[in-house]
Amino acid sequence: YSWVFNEFPSFVAEDSRRFISQETGNLYISKVQTSDVGSYICLVKNTVTNARVLSPPTPLTLRNDGVMGEYEPKIEVHFPYTVMAARGTTVKMECFALGK
């Protein structure tokens, strides 16, 4: 999974505020800023066939009316009960902290 910001080939780079889940394809942005406003397109690539599929554009706009409100802090974890891995391989588990 990767995300295009505004126009191809401007890809969203993961950093301390942006994360792309390789399990779900979701894009997470913390502390949204004016520079994040724009159109986002999800790009899924099959690494075997090199086929690509693009999602429709999703606009991101900022709200200044306070409707979104405050969120209690919470942590979302979606781990399977058991994770099996071969010795020496890499295991990635995702955990997200949300709220203020």
PDB file of N, CA and C in Angstrom:
ATOM      1  N   TYR A   1       0.831  -1.177   0.000  1.00  0.00           N
ATOM      2  CA  TYR A   1       0.000   0.000   0.000  1.00  0.00           C
ATOM      3  C   TYR A   1       0.876   1.241   0.000  1.00  0.00           C
ATOM      4  N   SER A   2       0.445   2.236  -0.743  1.00  0.00           N
ATOM      5  CA  SER A   2       1.058   3.551  -0.659  1.00  0.00           C
ATOM      6  C   SER A   2      -0.039   4.573  -0.930  1.00  0.00           C
ATOM      7  N   TRP A   3       0.238   5.810  -0.597  1.00  0.00           N
ATOM      8  CA  TRP A   3      -0.736   6.883  -0.782  1.00  0.00           C
ATOM      9  C   TRP A   3      -0.124   8.008  -1.598  1.00  0.00           C
ATOM     10  N   VAL A   4      -0.907   8.530  -2.529  1.00  0.00           N
ATOM     11  CA  VAL A   4      -0.508   9.660  -3.360  1.00  0.00           C
ATOM     12  C   VAL A   4      -1.186  10.901  -2.780  1.00  0.00           C
ATOM     13  N   PHE A   5      -0.415  11.978  -2.634  1.00  0.00           N
ATOM     14  CA  PHE A   5      -0.946  13.232  -2.110  1.00  0.00           C
ATOM     15  C   PHE A   5      -1.066  14.241  -3.245  1.00  0.00           C
ATOM     16  N   ASN A   6      -2.273  14.693  -3.503  1.00  0.00           N
ATOM     17  CA  ASN A   6      -2.633  15.686  -4.518  1.00  0.00           C
ATOM     18  C   ASN A   6      -2.443  15.205  -5.951  1.00  0.00           C
ATOM     19  N   GLU A   7      -1.271  14.812  -6.361  1.00  0.00           N
ATOM     20  CA  GLU A   7      -1.133  14.329  -7.736  1.00  0.00           C
ATOM     21  C   GLU A   7       0.052  13.373  -7.840  1.00  0.00           C
ATOM     22  N   PHE A   8      -0.058  12.442  -8.767  1.00  0.00           N
ATOM     23  CA  PHE A   8       1.007  11.465  -9.008  1.00  0.00           C
ATOM     24  C   PHE A   8       2.222  12.196  -9.566  1.00  0.00           C
ATOM     25  N   PRO A   9       3.418  11.945  -9.198  1.00  0.00           N
ATOM     26  CA  PRO A   9       3.910  10.901  -8.302  1.00  0.00           C
ATOM     27  C   PRO A   9       4.298  11.424  -6.912  1.00  0.00           C
ATOM     28  N   SER A  10       3.498  12.292  -6.318  1.00  0.00           N
ATOM     29  CA  SER A  10       3.801  12.819  -4.989  1.00  0.00           C
ATOM     30  C   SER A  10       3.273  11.849  -3.933  1.00  0.00           C
ATOM     31  N   PHE A  11       4.140  10.939  -3.467  1.00  0.00           N
ATOM     32  CA  PHE A  11       3.734   9.932  -2.495  1.00  0.00           C
ATOM     33  C   PHE A  11       3.837  10.466  -1.077  1.00  0.00           C
ATOM     34  N   VAL A  12       2.955  10.003  -0.208  1.00  0.00           N
ATOM     35  CA  VAL A  12       3.009  10.349   1.214  1.00  0.00           C
ATOM     36  C   VAL A  12       4.191   9.614   1.824  1.00  0.00           C
ATOM     37  N   ALA A  13       5.081  10.359   2.442  1.00  0.00           N
ATOM     38  CA  ALA A  13       6.240   9.757   3.110  1.00  0.00           C
ATOM     39  C   ALA A  13       5.900   9.535   4.573  1.00  0.00           C
ATOM     40  N   GLU A  14       6.196   8.339   5.077  1.00  0.00           N
ATOM     41  CA  GLU A  14       5.972   8.074   6.493  1.00  0.00           C
ATOM     42  C   GLU A  14       7.005   8.840   7.316  1.00  0.00           C
ATOM     43  N   ASP A  15       6.536   9.429   8.401  1.00  0.00           N
ATOM     44  CA  ASP A  15       7.413  10.163   9.303  1.00  0.00           C
ATOM     45  C   ASP A  15       6.801  10.107  10.698  1.00  0.00           C
ATOM     46  N   SER A  16       7.164  11.021  11.565  1.00  0.00           N
ATOM     47  CA  SER A  16       6.656  10.985  12.937  1.00  0.00           C
ATOM     48  C   SER A  16       5.155  11.297  13.020  1.00  0.00           C
ATOM     49  N   ARG A  17       4.557  11.865  11.957  1.00  0.00           N
ATOM     50  CA  ARG A  17       3.125  12.167  11.954  1.00  0.00           C
ATOM     51  C   ARG A  17       2.301  11.298  11.018  1.00  0.00           C
ATOM     52  N   ARG A  18       2.936  10.616  10.092  1.00  0.00           N
ATOM     53  CA  ARG A  18       2.216   9.836   9.075  1.00  0.00           C
ATOM     54  C   ARG A  18       2.629   8.374   9.116  1.00  0.00           C
ATOM     55  N   PHE A  19       1.630   7.489   9.079  1.00  0.00           N
ATOM     56  CA  PHE A  19       1.884   6.056   9.112  1.00  0.00           C
ATOM     57  C   PHE A  19       0.922   5.367   8.161  1.00  0.00           C
ATOM     58  N   ILE A  20       1.435   4.417   7.361  1.00  0.00           N
ATOM     59  CA  ILE A  20       0.606   3.624   6.448  1.00  0.00           C
ATOM     60  C   ILE A  20       0.630   2.188   6.938  1.00  0.00           C
ATOM     61  N   SER A  21      -0.544   1.674   7.301  1.00  0.00           N
ATOM     62  CA  SER A  21      -0.647   0.287   7.754  1.00  0.00           C
ATOM     63  C   SER A  21      -0.516  -0.641   6.555  1.00  0.00           C
ATOM     64  N   GLN A  22       0.459  -1.532   6.592  1.00  0.00           N
ATOM     65  CA  GLN A  22       0.614  -2.489   5.499  1.00  0.00           C
ATOM     66  C   GLN A  22      -0.322  -3.681   5.669  1.00  0.00           C
ATOM     67  N   GLU A  23      -1.054  -3.711   6.782  1.00  0.00           N
ATOM     68  CA  GLU A  23      -2.060  -4.755   6.974  1.00  0.00           C
ATOM     69  C   GLU A  23      -3.418  -4.326   6.437  1.00  0.00           C
ATOM     70  N   THR A  24      -3.798  -3.063   6.694  1.00  0.00           N
ATOM     71  CA  THR A  24      -5.109  -2.582   6.271  1.00  0.00           C
ATOM     72  C   THR A  24      -5.060  -1.600   5.114  1.00  0.00           C
ATOM     73  N   GLY A  25      -3.899  -0.971   4.893  1.00  0.00           N
ATOM     74  CA  GLY A  25      -3.783   0.069   3.880  1.00  0.00           C
ATOM     75  C   GLY A  25      -4.178   1.441   4.384  1.00  0.00           C
ATOM     76  N   ASN A  26      -4.648   1.533   5.623  1.00  0.00           N
ATOM     77  CA  ASN A  26      -5.078   2.813   6.175  1.00  0.00           C
ATOM     78  C   ASN A  26      -3.912   3.780   6.320  1.00  0.00           C
ATOM     79  N   LEU A  27      -4.206   5.046   6.073  1.00  0.00           N
ATOM     80  CA  LEU A  27      -3.254   6.125   6.290  1.00  0.00           C
ATOM     81  C   LEU A  27      -3.654   6.840   7.569  1.00  0.00           C
ATOM     82  N   TYR A  28      -2.704   6.978   8.491  1.00  0.00           N
ATOM     83  CA  TYR A  28      -2.947   7.675   9.746  1.00  0.00           C
ATOM     84  C   TYR A  28      -2.095   8.936   9.774  1.00  0.00           C
ATOM     85  N   ILE A  29      -2.734  10.059  10.102  1.00  0.00           N
ATOM     86  CA  ILE A  29      -2.020  11.332  10.216  1.00  0.00           C
ATOM     87  C   ILE A  29      -2.316  11.902  11.591  1.00  0.00           C
ATOM     88  N   SER A  30      -1.285  12.171  12.365  1.00  0.00           N
ATOM     89  CA  SER A  30      -1.490  12.791  13.673  1.00  0.00           C
ATOM     90  C   SER A  30      -1.202  14.278  13.570  1.00  0.00           C
ATOM     91  N   LYS A  31      -1.817  15.044  14.433  1.00  0.00           N
ATOM     92  CA  LYS A  31      -1.609  16.492  14.494  1.00  0.00           C
ATOM     93  C   LYS A  31      -1.742  17.114  13.107  1.00  0.00           C
ATOM     94  N   VAL A  32      -2.905  16.944  12.507  1.00  0.00           N
ATOM     95  CA  VAL A  32      -3.159  17.431  11.148  1.00  0.00           C
ATOM     96  C   VAL A  32      -2.866  18.922  11.054  1.00  0.00           C
ATOM     97  N   GLN A  33      -2.198  19.288   9.966  1.00  0.00           N
ATOM     98  CA  GLN A  33      -1.800  20.670   9.734  1.00  0.00           C
ATOM     99  C   GLN A  33      -2.373  21.157   8.404  1.00  0.00           C
ATOM    100  N   THR A  34      -2.317  22.443   8.193  1.00  0.00           N
ATOM    101  CA  THR A  34      -2.801  23.025   6.942  1.00  0.00           C
ATOM    102  C   THR A  34      -2.104  22.403   5.734  1.00  0.00           C
ATOM    103  N   SER A  35      -0.830  22.059   5.875  1.00  0.00           N
ATOM    104  CA  SER A  35      -0.084  21.465   4.757  1.00  0.00           C
ATOM    105  C   SER A  35      -0.589  20.063   4.392  1.00  0.00           C
ATOM    106  N   ASP A  36      -1.407  19.434   5.263  1.00  0.00           N
ATOM    107  CA  ASP A  36      -1.969  18.105   4.984  1.00  0.00           C
ATOM    108  C   ASP A  36      -3.240  18.180   4.147  1.00  0.00           C
ATOM    109  N   VAL A  37      -3.806  19.378   4.020  1.00  0.00           N
ATOM    110  CA  VAL A  37      -5.050  19.552   3.270  1.00  0.00           C
ATOM    111  C   VAL A  37      -4.809  19.251   1.798  1.00  0.00           C
ATOM    112  N   GLY A  38      -5.690  18.443   1.223  1.00  0.00           N
ATOM    113  CA  GLY A  38      -5.571  18.101  -0.192  1.00  0.00           C
ATOM    114  C   GLY A  38      -6.308  16.823  -0.495  1.00  0.00           C
ATOM    115  N   SER A  39      -5.948  16.190  -1.585  1.00  0.00           N
ATOM    116  CA  SER A  39      -6.595  14.975  -2.061  1.00  0.00           C
ATOM    117  C   SER A  39      -5.648  13.784  -1.892  1.00  0.00           C
ATOM    118  N   TYR A  40      -6.167  12.683  -1.358  1.00  0.00           N
ATOM    119  CA  TYR A  40      -5.377  11.473  -1.119  1.00  0.00           C
ATOM    120  C   TYR A  40      -5.943  10.317  -1.938  1.00  0.00           C
ATOM    121  N   ILE A  41      -5.045   9.574  -2.598  1.00  0.00           N
ATOM    122  CA  ILE A  41      -5.425   8.401  -3.390  1.00  0.00           C
ATOM    123  C   ILE A  41      -4.595   7.217  -2.905  1.00  0.00           C
ATOM    124  N   CYS A  42      -5.269   6.117  -2.593  1.00  0.00           N
ATOM    125  CA  CYS A  42      -4.576   4.897  -2.170  1.00  0.00           C
ATOM    126  C   CYS A  42      -4.156   4.109  -3.409  1.00  0.00           C
ATOM    127  N   LEU A  43      -2.919   3.656  -3.411  1.00  0.00           N
ATOM    128  CA  LEU A  43      -2.382   2.855  -4.507  1.00  0.00           C
ATOM    129  C   LEU A  43      -1.995   1.492  -3.950  1.00  0.00           C
ATOM    130  N   VAL A  44      -2.572   0.433  -4.516  1.00  0.00           N
ATOM    131  CA  VAL A  44      -2.249  -0.926  -4.107  1.00  0.00           C
ATOM    132  C   VAL A  44      -1.535  -1.594  -5.268  1.00  0.00           C
ATOM    133  N   LYS A  45      -0.371  -2.180  -4.973  1.00  0.00           N
ATOM    134  CA  LYS A  45       0.419  -2.828  -6.011  1.00  0.00           C
ATOM    135  C   LYS A  45       0.612  -4.301  -5.659  1.00  0.00           C
ATOM    136  N   ASN A  46       0.326  -5.176  -6.625  1.00  0.00           N
ATOM    137  CA  ASN A  46       0.592  -6.602  -6.478  1.00  0.00           C
ATOM    138  C   ASN A  46       2.055  -6.817  -6.848  1.00  0.00           C
ATOM    139  N   THR A  47       2.864  -7.219  -5.869  1.00  0.00           N
ATOM    140  CA  THR A  47       4.300  -7.350  -6.118  1.00  0.00           C
ATOM    141  C   THR A  47       4.639  -8.527  -7.022  1.00  0.00           C
ATOM    142  N   VAL A  48       3.712  -9.462  -7.208  1.00  0.00           N
ATOM    143  CA  VAL A  48       3.969 -10.606  -8.084  1.00  0.00           C
ATOM    144  C   VAL A  48       3.718 -10.241  -9.544  1.00  0.00           C
ATOM    145  N   THR A  49       2.559  -9.602  -9.800  1.00  0.00           N
ATOM    146  CA  THR A  49       2.189  -9.293 -11.187  1.00  0.00           C
ATOM    147  C   THR A  49       2.486  -7.841 -11.581  1.00  0.00           C
ATOM    148  N   ASN A  50       2.840  -6.997 -10.599  1.00  0.00           N
ATOM    149  CA  ASN A  50       3.045  -5.568 -10.804  1.00  0.00           C
ATOM    150  C   ASN A  50       1.776  -4.826 -11.206  1.00  0.00           C
ATOM    151  N   ALA A  51       0.598  -5.483 -11.057  1.00  0.00           N
ATOM    152  CA  ALA A  51      -0.669  -4.803 -11.330  1.00  0.00           C
ATOM    153  C   ALA A  51      -0.910  -3.763 -10.244  1.00  0.00           C
ATOM    154  N   ARG A  52      -1.512  -2.630 -10.623  1.00  0.00           N
ATOM    155  CA  ARG A  52      -1.793  -1.547  -9.685  1.00  0.00           C
ATOM    156  C   ARG A  52      -3.257  -1.167  -9.745  1.00  0.00           C
ATOM    157  N   VAL A  53      -3.800  -0.784  -8.601  1.00  0.00           N
ATOM    158  CA  VAL A  53      -5.175  -0.313  -8.515  1.00  0.00           C
ATOM    159  C   VAL A  53      -5.170   0.972  -7.699  1.00  0.00           C
ATOM    160  N   LEU A  54      -5.879   1.988  -8.192  1.00  0.00           N
ATOM    161  CA  LEU A  54      -5.985   3.266  -7.504  1.00  0.00           C
ATOM    162  C   LEU A  54      -7.387   3.455  -6.948  1.00  0.00           C
ATOM    163  N   SER A  55      -7.477   4.006  -5.745  1.00  0.00           N
ATOM    164  CA  SER A  55      -8.780   4.331  -5.172  1.00  0.00           C
ATOM    165  C   SER A  55      -9.257   5.663  -5.737  1.00  0.00           C
ATOM    166  N   PRO A  56     -10.533   5.954  -5.557  1.00  0.00           N
ATOM    167  CA  PRO A  56     -10.991   7.304  -5.891  1.00  0.00           C
ATOM    168  C   PRO A  56     -10.326   8.298  -4.936  1.00  0.00           C
ATOM    169  N   PRO A  57     -10.193   9.566  -5.320  1.00  0.00           N
ATOM    170  CA  PRO A  57      -9.586  10.558  -4.433  1.00  0.00           C
ATOM    171  C   PRO A  57     -10.448  10.796  -3.188  1.00  0.00           C
ATOM    172  N   THR A  58      -9.783  10.980  -2.058  1.00  0.00           N
ATOM    173  CA  THR A  58     -10.452  11.319  -0.802  1.00  0.00           C
ATOM    174  C   THR A  58      -9.915  12.671  -0.349  1.00  0.00           C
ATOM    175  N   PRO A  59     -10.779  13.694  -0.287  1.00  0.00           N
ATOM    176  CA  PRO A  59     -10.300  15.012   0.131  1.00  0.00           C
ATOM    177  C   PRO A  59     -10.147  15.090   1.653  1.00  0.00           C
ATOM    178  N   LEU A  60      -9.115  15.790   2.094  1.00  0.00           N
ATOM    179  CA  LEU A  60      -8.926  16.087   3.506  1.00  0.00           C
ATOM    180  C   LEU A  60      -9.049  17.596   3.676  1.00  0.00           C
ATOM    181  N   THR A  61      -9.982  18.013   4.531  1.00  0.00           N
ATOM    182  CA  THR A  61     -10.160  19.426   4.829  1.00  0.00           C
ATOM    183  C   THR A  61     -10.068  19.614   6.341  1.00  0.00           C
ATOM    184  N   LEU A  62      -9.753  20.819   6.772  1.00  0.00           N
ATOM    185  CA  LEU A  62      -9.670  21.126   8.199  1.00  0.00           C
ATOM    186  C   LEU A  62     -10.980  21.749   8.661  1.00  0.00           C
ATOM    187  N   ARG A  63     -11.386  21.368   9.858  1.00  0.00           N
ATOM    188  CA  ARG A  63     -12.567  21.970  10.475  1.00  0.00           C
ATOM    189  C   ARG A  63     -12.093  22.902  11.570  1.00  0.00           C
ATOM    190  N   ASN A  64     -12.670  24.060  11.632  1.00  0.00           N
ATOM    191  CA  ASN A  64     -12.333  25.031  12.668  1.00  0.00           C
ATOM    192  C   ASN A  64     -13.522  25.323  13.579  1.00  0.00           C
ATOM    193  N   ASP A  65     -14.631  24.575  13.397  1.00  0.00           N
ATOM    194  CA  ASP A  65     -15.846  24.868  14.159  1.00  0.00           C
ATOM    195  C   ASP A  65     -15.952  24.072  15.459  1.00  0.00           C
ATOM    196  N   GLY A  66     -14.948  23.229  15.759  1.00  0.00           N
ATOM    197  CA  GLY A  66     -14.962  22.485  17.011  1.00  0.00           C
ATOM    198  C   GLY A  66     -15.904  21.301  17.024  1.00  0.00           C
ATOM    199  N   VAL A  67     -16.534  20.955  15.895  1.00  0.00           N
ATOM    200  CA  VAL A  67     -17.489  19.856  15.859  1.00  0.00           C
ATOM    201  C   VAL A  67     -16.831  18.520  16.185  1.00  0.00           C
ATOM    202  N   MET A  68     -15.577  18.374  15.801  1.00  0.00           N
ATOM    203  CA  MET A  68     -14.891  17.104  16.058  1.00  0.00           C
ATOM    204  C   MET A  68     -14.704  16.873  17.554  1.00  0.00           C
ATOM    205  N   GLY A  69     -14.596  17.927  18.338  1.00  0.00           N
ATOM    206  CA  GLY A  69     -14.511  17.806  19.782  1.00  0.00           C
ATOM    207  C   GLY A  69     -13.215  17.192  20.270  1.00  0.00           C
ATOM    208  N   GLU A  70     -13.205  16.898  21.539  1.00  0.00           N
ATOM    209  CA  GLU A  70     -12.050  16.282  22.191  1.00  0.00           C
ATOM    210  C   GLU A  70     -12.288  14.782  22.281  1.00  0.00           C
ATOM    211  N   TYR A  71     -11.226  14.022  22.186  1.00  0.00           N
ATOM    212  CA  TYR A  71     -11.324  12.579  22.292  1.00  0.00           C
ATOM    213  C   TYR A  71     -10.528  12.104  23.490  1.00  0.00           C
ATOM    214  N   GLU A  72     -11.119  11.207  24.254  1.00  0.00           N
ATOM    215  CA  GLU A  72     -10.367  10.596  25.341  1.00  0.00           C
ATOM    216  C   GLU A  72      -9.263   9.751  24.746  1.00  0.00           C
ATOM    217  N   PRO A  73      -8.106   9.740  25.380  1.00  0.00           N
ATOM    218  CA  PRO A  73      -7.012   8.898  24.878  1.00  0.00           C
ATOM    219  C   PRO A  73      -7.405   7.421  24.899  1.00  0.00           C
ATOM    220  N   LYS A  74      -7.028   6.710  23.867  1.00  0.00           N
ATOM    221  CA  LYS A  74      -7.232   5.265  23.834  1.00  0.00           C
ATOM    222  C   LYS A  74      -6.181   4.651  22.926  1.00  0.00           C
ATOM    223  N   ILE A  75      -5.963   3.396  23.095  1.00  0.00           N
ATOM    224  CA  ILE A  75      -5.011   2.663  22.256  1.00  0.00           C
ATOM    225  C   ILE A  75      -5.781   1.574  21.531  1.00  0.00           C
ATOM    226  N   GLU A  76      -5.646   1.536  20.212  1.00  0.00           N
ATOM    227  CA  GLU A  76      -6.297   0.512  19.406  1.00  0.00           C
ATOM    228  C   GLU A  76      -5.270  -0.536  19.018  1.00  0.00           C
ATOM    229  N   VAL A  77      -5.561  -1.760  19.373  1.00  0.00           N
ATOM    230  CA  VAL A  77      -4.669  -2.870  19.055  1.00  0.00           C
ATOM    231  C   VAL A  77      -5.498  -3.942  18.370  1.00  0.00           C
ATOM    232  N   HIS A  78      -5.021  -4.447  17.268  1.00  0.00           N
ATOM    233  CA  HIS A  78      -5.728  -5.484  16.522  1.00  0.00           C
ATOM    234  C   HIS A  78      -4.801  -6.672  16.276  1.00  0.00           C
ATOM    235  N   PHE A  79      -4.229  -7.202  17.354  1.00  0.00           N
ATOM    236  CA  PHE A  79      -3.325  -8.336  17.217  1.00  0.00           C
ATOM    237  C   PHE A  79      -4.119  -9.633  17.210  1.00  0.00           C
ATOM    238  N   PRO A  80      -3.698 -10.592  16.408  1.00  0.00           N
ATOM    239  CA  PRO A  80      -4.296 -11.925  16.548  1.00  0.00           C
ATOM    240  C   PRO A  80      -3.878 -12.500  17.892  1.00  0.00           C
ATOM    241  N   TYR A  81      -4.630 -13.486  18.370  1.00  0.00           N
ATOM    242  CA  TYR A  81      -4.339 -14.086  19.668  1.00  0.00           C
ATOM    243  C   TYR A  81      -2.928 -14.657  19.704  1.00  0.00           C
ATOM    244  N   THR A  82      -2.516 -15.300  18.599  1.00  0.00           N
ATOM    245  CA  THR A  82      -1.178 -15.888  18.508  1.00  0.00           C
ATOM    246  C   THR A  82      -0.513 -15.418  17.228  1.00  0.00           C
ATOM    247  N   VAL A  83       0.743 -15.035  17.317  1.00  0.00           N
ATOM    248  CA  VAL A  83       1.517 -14.665  16.138  1.00  0.00           C
ATOM    249  C   VAL A  83       2.629 -15.690  15.994  1.00  0.00           C
ATOM    250  N   MET A  84       2.656 -16.394  14.866  1.00  0.00           N
ATOM    251  CA  MET A  84       3.683 -17.401  14.623  1.00  0.00           C
ATOM    252  C   MET A  84       4.687 -16.824  13.636  1.00  0.00           C
ATOM    253  N   ALA A  85       5.970 -17.067  13.892  1.00  0.00           N
ATOM    254  CA  ALA A  85       7.009 -16.557  13.004  1.00  0.00           C
ATOM    255  C   ALA A  85       8.200 -17.500  13.029  1.00  0.00           C
ATOM    256  N   ALA A  86       8.865 -17.601  11.896  1.00  0.00           N
ATOM    257  CA  ALA A  86      10.087 -18.396  11.823  1.00  0.00           C
ATOM    258  C   ALA A  86      11.224 -17.604  12.461  1.00  0.00           C
ATOM    259  N   ARG A  87      12.118 -18.289  13.103  1.00  0.00           N
ATOM    260  CA  ARG A  87      13.271 -17.647  13.723  1.00  0.00           C
ATOM    261  C   ARG A  87      14.044 -16.848  12.678  1.00  0.00           C
ATOM    262  N   GLY A  88      14.422 -15.636  13.035  1.00  0.00           N
ATOM    263  CA  GLY A  88      15.210 -14.797  12.149  1.00  0.00           C
ATOM    264  C   GLY A  88      14.394 -13.939  11.197  1.00  0.00           C
ATOM    265  N   THR A  89      13.057 -14.111  11.183  1.00  0.00           N
ATOM    266  CA  THR A  89      12.229 -13.281  10.304  1.00  0.00           C
ATOM    267  C   THR A  89      11.769 -12.042  11.060  1.00  0.00           C
ATOM    268  N   THR A  90      11.215 -11.089  10.336  1.00  0.00           N
ATOM    269  CA  THR A  90      10.712  -9.860  10.933  1.00  0.00           C
ATOM    270  C   THR A  90       9.217  -9.976  11.169  1.00  0.00           C
ATOM    271  N   VAL A  91       8.775  -9.563  12.340  1.00  0.00           N
ATOM    272  CA  VAL A  91       7.355  -9.540  12.673  1.00  0.00           C
ATOM    273  C   VAL A  91       6.968  -8.095  12.940  1.00  0.00           C
ATOM    274  N   LYS A  92       5.885  -7.634  12.317  1.00  0.00           N
ATOM    275  CA  LYS A  92       5.422  -6.262  12.523  1.00  0.00           C
ATOM    276  C   LYS A  92       4.044  -6.317  13.173  1.00  0.00           C
ATOM    277  N   MET A  93       3.915  -5.680  14.330  1.00  0.00           N
ATOM    278  CA  MET A  93       2.629  -5.576  15.014  1.00  0.00           C
ATOM    279  C   MET A  93       2.305  -4.099  15.142  1.00  0.00           C
ATOM    280  N   GLU A  94       1.065  -3.752  14.839  1.00  0.00           N
ATOM    281  CA  GLU A  94       0.673  -2.353  14.808  1.00  0.00           C
ATOM    282  C   GLU A  94      -0.184  -1.989  16.009  1.00  0.00           C
ATOM    283  N   CYS A  95       0.109  -0.837  16.592  1.00  0.00           N
ATOM    284  CA  CYS A  95      -0.615  -0.322  17.738  1.00  0.00           C
ATOM    285  C   CYS A  95      -0.766   1.175  17.535  1.00  0.00           C
ATOM    286  N   PHE A  96      -1.957   1.716  17.766  1.00  0.00           N
ATOM    287  CA  PHE A  96      -2.189   3.122  17.515  1.00  0.00           C
ATOM    288  C   PHE A  96      -2.727   3.807  18.762  1.00  0.00           C
ATOM    289  N   ALA A  97      -2.156   4.922  19.115  1.00  0.00           N
ATOM    290  CA  ALA A  97      -2.656   5.744  20.218  1.00  0.00           C
ATOM    291  C   ALA A  97      -3.424   6.912  19.622  1.00  0.00           C
ATOM    292  N   LEU A  98      -4.630   7.118  20.110  1.00  0.00           N
ATOM    293  CA  LEU A  98      -5.494   8.163  19.579  1.00  0.00           C
ATOM    294  C   LEU A  98      -5.964   9.066  20.710  1.00  0.00           C
ATOM    295  N   GLY A  99      -6.270  10.308  20.397  1.00  0.00           N
ATOM    296  CA  GLY A  99      -6.902  11.199  21.362  1.00  0.00           C
ATOM    297  C   GLY A  99      -6.003  12.304  21.851  1.00  0.00           C
ATOM    298  N   LYS A 100      -6.529  13.038  22.813  1.00  0.00           N
ATOM    299  CA  LYS A 100      -5.781  14.154  23.412  1.00  0.00           C
ATOM    300  C   LYS A 100      -5.734  13.951  24.896  1.00  0.00           C
TER     301      LYS A 100
END
